[in-house]
């Protein structure tokens, strides 16, 4: 997946002002590992990406699946984004490759300020369908971002409740019959 290393976005801050911020591809290194520890401390354990990072640890790997947003020098929001071969899925009516968006998390104190939206908009900018598995109390967020539930398939979904988003140029499939 060809990805930019950085994308600049506008975030609406609490005072109604727009600030410019950047979604950056995070390097896989010990500095990033230390930054991820703050999320495990403050976040819900199932969202922790610490184990993912440790299993991918190659100093300064530029092909990292991790993306984040910094406020000053502090990592305040992050996600992982993986490309999936479209011929191996039944989530979409086509065989296009798609993206798996995993473990989106924004630190307390920075939530509801547009950081999560900026990360999802960054993922959407690739123009590929996206699949995610929403976490704790996030249904409203994903609905606002245009994601739709798929019809649950026990064998395929294995206890998850996936949501999908598709670019306008690709026909949507929510698993429902017309």
C-alpha atoms as a PDB file:
ATOM      1  CA  UNK A   1       0.000   0.000   0.000  1.00  0.00           C
ATOM      2  CA  UNK A   2       1.546   3.281  -1.064  1.00  0.00           C
ATOM      3  CA  UNK A   3       1.016   5.744   1.724  1.00  0.00           C
ATOM      4  CA  UNK A   4       2.193   9.233   2.439  1.00  0.00           C
ATOM      5  CA  UNK A   5       4.399   9.523   5.495  1.00  0.00           C
ATOM      6  CA  UNK A   6       2.470  12.572   6.650  1.00  0.00           C
ATOM      7  CA  UNK A   7      -0.811  14.376   5.839  1.00  0.00           C
ATOM      8  CA  UNK A   8      -1.836  17.805   7.140  1.00  0.00           C
ATOM      9  CA  UNK A   9      -5.434  18.211   8.333  1.00  0.00           C
ATOM     10  CA  UNK A  10      -7.478  20.918  10.015  1.00  0.00           C
ATOM     11  CA  UNK A  11      -8.887  20.104  13.471  1.00  0.00           C
ATOM     12  CA  UNK A  12     -11.653  22.085  15.153  1.00  0.00           C
ATOM     13  CA  UNK A  13     -10.512  22.843  18.687  1.00  0.00           C
ATOM     14  CA  UNK A  14     -12.796  23.485  21.669  1.00  0.00           C
ATOM     15  CA  UNK A  15     -12.978  27.259  21.103  1.00  0.00           C
ATOM     16  CA  UNK A  16     -14.377  26.879  17.586  1.00  0.00           C
ATOM     17  CA  UNK A  17     -10.967  27.627  16.063  1.00  0.00           C
ATOM     18  CA  UNK A  18      -9.282  25.454  13.467  1.00  0.00           C
ATOM     19  CA  UNK A  19      -5.742  24.284  14.072  1.00  0.00           C
ATOM     20  CA  UNK A  20      -3.537  22.475  11.593  1.00  0.00           C
ATOM     21  CA  UNK A  21      -2.307  19.036  12.577  1.00  0.00           C
ATOM     22  CA  UNK A  22      -0.615  16.148  10.856  1.00  0.00           C
ATOM     23  CA  UNK A  23      -1.340  12.450  10.656  1.00  0.00           C
ATOM     24  CA  UNK A  24       2.078  10.808  10.634  1.00  0.00           C
ATOM     25  CA  UNK A  25       3.201   7.264   9.950  1.00  0.00           C
ATOM     26  CA  UNK A  26       4.780   6.215  13.229  1.00  0.00           C
ATOM     27  CA  UNK A  27       8.219   4.678  13.225  1.00  0.00           C
ATOM     28  CA  UNK A  28       8.573   1.330  14.920  1.00  0.00           C
ATOM     29  CA  UNK A  29      11.189   2.123  17.531  1.00  0.00           C
ATOM     30  CA  UNK A  30      11.682   2.385  21.270  1.00  0.00           C
ATOM     31  CA  UNK A  31      10.474   6.016  21.379  1.00  0.00           C
ATOM     32  CA  UNK A  32       7.142   4.967  19.845  1.00  0.00           C
ATOM     33  CA  UNK A  33       6.996   2.018  22.238  1.00  0.00           C
ATOM     34  CA  UNK A  34       7.307   4.428  25.180  1.00  0.00           C
ATOM     35  CA  UNK A  35       4.598   6.677  23.695  1.00  0.00           C
ATOM     36  CA  UNK A  36       2.246   3.693  23.307  1.00  0.00           C
ATOM     37  CA  UNK A  37       2.594   2.909  27.011  1.00  0.00           C
ATOM     38  CA  UNK A  38       0.642   6.061  27.881  1.00  0.00           C
ATOM     39  CA  UNK A  39      -2.312   4.690  25.922  1.00  0.00           C
ATOM     40  CA  UNK A  40      -2.238   1.385  27.765  1.00  0.00           C
ATOM     41  CA  UNK A  41      -2.169   3.267  31.055  1.00  0.00           C
ATOM     42  CA  UNK A  42      -5.092   5.536  30.191  1.00  0.00           C
ATOM     43  CA  UNK A  43      -6.927   3.434  27.639  1.00  0.00           C
ATOM     44  CA  UNK A  44      -8.963   0.299  27.617  1.00  0.00           C
ATOM     45  CA  UNK A  45      -6.675  -2.713  27.561  1.00  0.00           C
ATOM     46  CA  UNK A  46      -8.326  -4.280  24.512  1.00  0.00           C
ATOM     47  CA  UNK A  47      -7.318  -1.204  22.529  1.00  0.00           C
ATOM     48  CA  UNK A  48      -3.654  -1.484  23.468  1.00  0.00           C
ATOM     49  CA  UNK A  49      -1.350  -1.609  20.468  1.00  0.00           C
ATOM     50  CA  UNK A  50       1.691  -2.225  22.644  1.00  0.00           C
ATOM     51  CA  UNK A  51       1.836  -5.942  21.824  1.00  0.00           C
ATOM     52  CA  UNK A  52       1.406  -5.212  18.094  1.00  0.00           C
ATOM     53  CA  UNK A  53       4.297  -2.779  18.214  1.00  0.00           C
ATOM     54  CA  UNK A  54       6.539  -5.135  20.167  1.00  0.00           C
ATOM     55  CA  UNK A  55       5.889  -7.959  17.684  1.00  0.00           C
ATOM     56  CA  UNK A  56       6.834  -5.660  14.777  1.00  0.00           C
ATOM     57  CA  UNK A  57       9.877  -4.112  16.471  1.00  0.00           C
ATOM     58  CA  UNK A  58      12.457  -3.276  13.838  1.00  0.00           C
ATOM     59  CA  UNK A  59      14.200  -0.029  14.674  1.00  0.00           C
ATOM     60  CA  UNK A  60      12.721   2.838  12.616  1.00  0.00           C
ATOM     61  CA  UNK A  61      10.782   0.605  10.209  1.00  0.00           C
ATOM     62  CA  UNK A  62       9.263   2.996   7.669  1.00  0.00           C
ATOM     63  CA  UNK A  63       6.636   0.425   6.613  1.00  0.00           C
ATOM     64  CA  UNK A  64       4.877   0.706   9.931  1.00  0.00           C
ATOM     65  CA  UNK A  65       1.103   0.080   9.981  1.00  0.00           C
ATOM     66  CA  UNK A  66       0.800   2.619  12.830  1.00  0.00           C
ATOM     67  CA  UNK A  67      -0.355   6.212  12.349  1.00  0.00           C
ATOM     68  CA  UNK A  68      -0.714   8.957  14.895  1.00  0.00           C
ATOM     69  CA  UNK A  69      -1.286  12.612  15.632  1.00  0.00           C
ATOM     70  CA  UNK A  70       0.963  14.655  17.884  1.00  0.00           C
ATOM     71  CA  UNK A  71      -0.099  17.706  19.880  1.00  0.00           C
ATOM     72  CA  UNK A  72       3.148  19.567  20.526  1.00  0.00           C
ATOM     73  CA  UNK A  73       5.523  16.653  21.256  1.00  0.00           C
ATOM     74  CA  UNK A  74       2.892  14.298  22.674  1.00  0.00           C
ATOM     75  CA  UNK A  75       1.262  11.439  20.750  1.00  0.00           C
ATOM     76  CA  UNK A  76      -2.456  12.008  21.458  1.00  0.00           C
ATOM     77  CA  UNK A  77      -4.211   9.765  18.906  1.00  0.00           C
ATOM     78  CA  UNK A  78      -3.276   6.625  17.012  1.00  0.00           C
ATOM     79  CA  UNK A  79      -4.535   3.731  14.895  1.00  0.00           C
ATOM     80  CA  UNK A  80      -3.206   0.848  12.874  1.00  0.00           C
ATOM     81  CA  UNK A  81      -4.105   0.443   9.221  1.00  0.00           C
ATOM     82  CA  UNK A  82      -3.553  -2.773   7.270  1.00  0.00           C
ATOM     83  CA  UNK A  83      -4.171  -3.541   3.604  1.00  0.00           C
ATOM     84  CA  UNK A  84      -6.182  -6.740   3.043  1.00  0.00           C
ATOM     85  CA  UNK A  85      -6.429  -8.752  -0.174  1.00  0.00           C
ATOM     86  CA  UNK A  86     -10.011  -8.276  -1.369  1.00  0.00           C
ATOM     87  CA  UNK A  87     -10.280 -11.754  -2.854  1.00  0.00           C
ATOM     88  CA  UNK A  88     -10.234 -13.249   0.655  1.00  0.00           C
ATOM     89  CA  UNK A  89     -13.331 -11.510   2.038  1.00  0.00           C
ATOM     90  CA  UNK A  90     -17.097 -11.542   1.838  1.00  0.00           C
ATOM     91  CA  UNK A  91     -17.576  -8.074   3.344  1.00  0.00           C
ATOM     92  CA  UNK A  92     -17.783  -6.391  -0.037  1.00  0.00           C
ATOM     93  CA  UNK A  93     -19.435  -7.278  -3.369  1.00  0.00           C
ATOM     94  CA  UNK A  94     -16.176  -6.757  -5.222  1.00  0.00           C
ATOM     95  CA  UNK A  95     -12.647  -8.061  -5.051  1.00  0.00           C
ATOM     96  CA  UNK A  96     -10.956  -4.707  -4.376  1.00  0.00           C
ATOM     97  CA  UNK A  97      -8.281  -4.652  -1.724  1.00  0.00           C
ATOM     98  CA  UNK A  98      -9.523  -2.910   1.386  1.00  0.00           C
ATOM     99  CA  UNK A  99      -8.140  -1.459   4.594  1.00  0.00           C
ATOM    100  CA  UNK A 100      -8.553  -2.810   8.118  1.00  0.00           C
ATOM    101  CA  UNK A 101      -8.630   0.057  10.581  1.00  0.00           C
ATOM    102  CA  UNK A 102      -7.746  -1.241  14.044  1.00  0.00           C
ATOM    103  CA  UNK A 103      -7.427   0.127  17.536  1.00  0.00           C
ATOM    104  CA  UNK A 104      -8.256   3.762  16.957  1.00  0.00           C
ATOM    105  CA  UNK A 105      -7.718   5.530  20.267  1.00  0.00           C
ATOM    106  CA  UNK A 106      -7.490   9.144  21.444  1.00  0.00           C
ATOM    107  CA  UNK A 107      -6.147  10.013  24.880  1.00  0.00           C
ATOM    108  CA  UNK A 108      -8.556  11.490  27.452  1.00  0.00           C
ATOM    109  CA  UNK A 109      -8.315  15.262  27.382  1.00  0.00           C
ATOM    110  CA  UNK A 110      -7.950  15.187  23.596  1.00  0.00           C
ATOM    111  CA  UNK A 111     -11.191  13.358  22.834  1.00  0.00           C
ATOM    112  CA  UNK A 112     -14.081  15.068  21.022  1.00  0.00           C
ATOM    113  CA  UNK A 113     -11.680  17.548  19.424  1.00  0.00           C
ATOM    114  CA  UNK A 114     -11.497  15.989  15.958  1.00  0.00           C
ATOM    115  CA  UNK A 115      -8.397  13.788  16.327  1.00  0.00           C
ATOM    116  CA  UNK A 116     -10.288  10.520  15.805  1.00  0.00           C
ATOM    117  CA  UNK A 117     -12.140  11.995  12.830  1.00  0.00           C
ATOM    118  CA  UNK A 118      -8.822  13.157  11.354  1.00  0.00           C
ATOM    119  CA  UNK A 119      -7.402   9.635  11.563  1.00  0.00           C
ATOM    120  CA  UNK A 120     -10.494   8.099   9.928  1.00  0.00           C
ATOM    121  CA  UNK A 121     -10.506  10.794   7.221  1.00  0.00           C
ATOM    122  CA  UNK A 122      -6.843   9.990   6.591  1.00  0.00           C
ATOM    123  CA  UNK A 123      -7.736   6.298   6.129  1.00  0.00           C
ATOM    124  CA  UNK A 124     -10.597   7.274   3.789  1.00  0.00           C
ATOM    125  CA  UNK A 125      -8.214   9.376   1.692  1.00  0.00           C
ATOM    126  CA  UNK A 126      -6.754   6.181   0.190  1.00  0.00           C
ATOM    127  CA  UNK A 127     -10.056   5.685  -1.671  1.00  0.00           C
ATOM    128  CA  UNK A 128     -10.382   2.051  -0.612  1.00  0.00           C
ATOM    129  CA  UNK A 129     -13.164   0.342   1.317  1.00  0.00           C
ATOM    130  CA  UNK A 130     -12.518   0.151   5.061  1.00  0.00           C
ATOM    131  CA  UNK A 131     -13.522  -2.469   7.615  1.00  0.00           C
ATOM    132  CA  UNK A 132     -13.295  -1.900  11.352  1.00  0.00           C
ATOM    133  CA  UNK A 133     -14.473  -3.551  14.515  1.00  0.00           C
ATOM    134  CA  UNK A 134     -15.897  -0.871  16.808  1.00  0.00           C
ATOM    135  CA  UNK A 135     -14.914  -0.851  20.442  1.00  0.00           C
ATOM    136  CA  UNK A 136     -16.566   0.147  23.665  1.00  0.00           C
ATOM    137  CA  UNK A 137     -19.280   2.827  23.336  1.00  0.00           C
ATOM    138  CA  UNK A 138     -18.186   4.091  19.918  1.00  0.00           C
ATOM    139  CA  UNK A 139     -21.241   3.375  17.734  1.00  0.00           C
ATOM    140  CA  UNK A 140     -22.209   7.058  17.443  1.00  0.00           C
ATOM    141  CA  UNK A 141     -18.741   8.008  16.271  1.00  0.00           C
ATOM    142  CA  UNK A 142     -18.650   5.378  13.530  1.00  0.00           C
ATOM    143  CA  UNK A 143     -22.173   6.262  12.412  1.00  0.00           C
ATOM    144  CA  UNK A 144     -21.160   9.918  12.125  1.00  0.00           C
ATOM    145  CA  UNK A 145     -18.146   8.837  10.043  1.00  0.00           C
ATOM    146  CA  UNK A 146     -20.438   7.020   7.557  1.00  0.00           C
ATOM    147  CA  UNK A 147     -19.714   3.419   8.555  1.00  0.00           C
ATOM    148  CA  UNK A 148     -22.482   0.818   8.316  1.00  0.00           C
ATOM    149  CA  UNK A 149     -23.030  -2.497  10.044  1.00  0.00           C
ATOM    150  CA  UNK A 150     -22.830  -5.664   7.985  1.00  0.00           C
ATOM    151  CA  UNK A 151     -25.219  -8.532   8.448  1.00  0.00           C
ATOM    152  CA  UNK A 152     -23.649 -10.754  11.080  1.00  0.00           C
ATOM    153  CA  UNK A 153     -22.171 -14.014   9.790  1.00  0.00           C
ATOM    154  CA  UNK A 154     -21.085 -16.312  12.644  1.00  0.00           C
ATOM    155  CA  UNK A 155     -18.396 -18.114  10.639  1.00  0.00           C
ATOM    156  CA  UNK A 156     -16.933 -14.958   9.073  1.00  0.00           C
ATOM    157  CA  UNK A 157     -17.247 -12.488  11.948  1.00  0.00           C
ATOM    158  CA  UNK A 158     -16.256 -14.783  14.854  1.00  0.00           C
ATOM    159  CA  UNK A 159     -17.847 -12.718  17.604  1.00  0.00           C
ATOM    160  CA  UNK A 160     -16.944  -9.326  16.163  1.00  0.00           C
ATOM    161  CA  UNK A 161     -19.487  -6.779  14.962  1.00  0.00           C
ATOM    162  CA  UNK A 162     -17.743  -5.308  11.912  1.00  0.00           C
ATOM    163  CA  UNK A 163     -18.579  -1.994  10.305  1.00  0.00           C
ATOM    164  CA  UNK A 164     -17.692  -1.021   6.755  1.00  0.00           C
ATOM    165  CA  UNK A 165     -17.270   2.153   4.762  1.00  0.00           C
ATOM    166  CA  UNK A 166     -17.002   2.309   1.000  1.00  0.00           C
ATOM    167  CA  UNK A 167     -16.010   5.207  -1.253  1.00  0.00           C
ATOM    168  CA  UNK A 168     -18.857   6.637  -3.326  1.00  0.00           C
ATOM    169  CA  UNK A 169     -17.460   5.088  -6.530  1.00  0.00           C
ATOM    170  CA  UNK A 170     -17.922   1.540  -5.142  1.00  0.00           C
ATOM    171  CA  UNK A 171     -21.354  -0.027  -4.630  1.00  0.00           C
ATOM    172  CA  UNK A 172     -22.171  -0.689  -0.983  1.00  0.00           C
ATOM    173  CA  UNK A 173     -22.952  -4.094   0.469  1.00  0.00           C
ATOM    174  CA  UNK A 174     -24.318  -4.252   4.006  1.00  0.00           C
ATOM    175  CA  UNK A 175     -25.203  -7.927   3.653  1.00  0.00           C
ATOM    176  CA  UNK A 176     -28.924  -7.149   3.415  1.00  0.00           C
ATOM    177  CA  UNK A 177     -31.048  -8.343   0.499  1.00  0.00           C
ATOM    178  CA  UNK A 178     -33.037  -5.774  -1.465  1.00  0.00           C
END
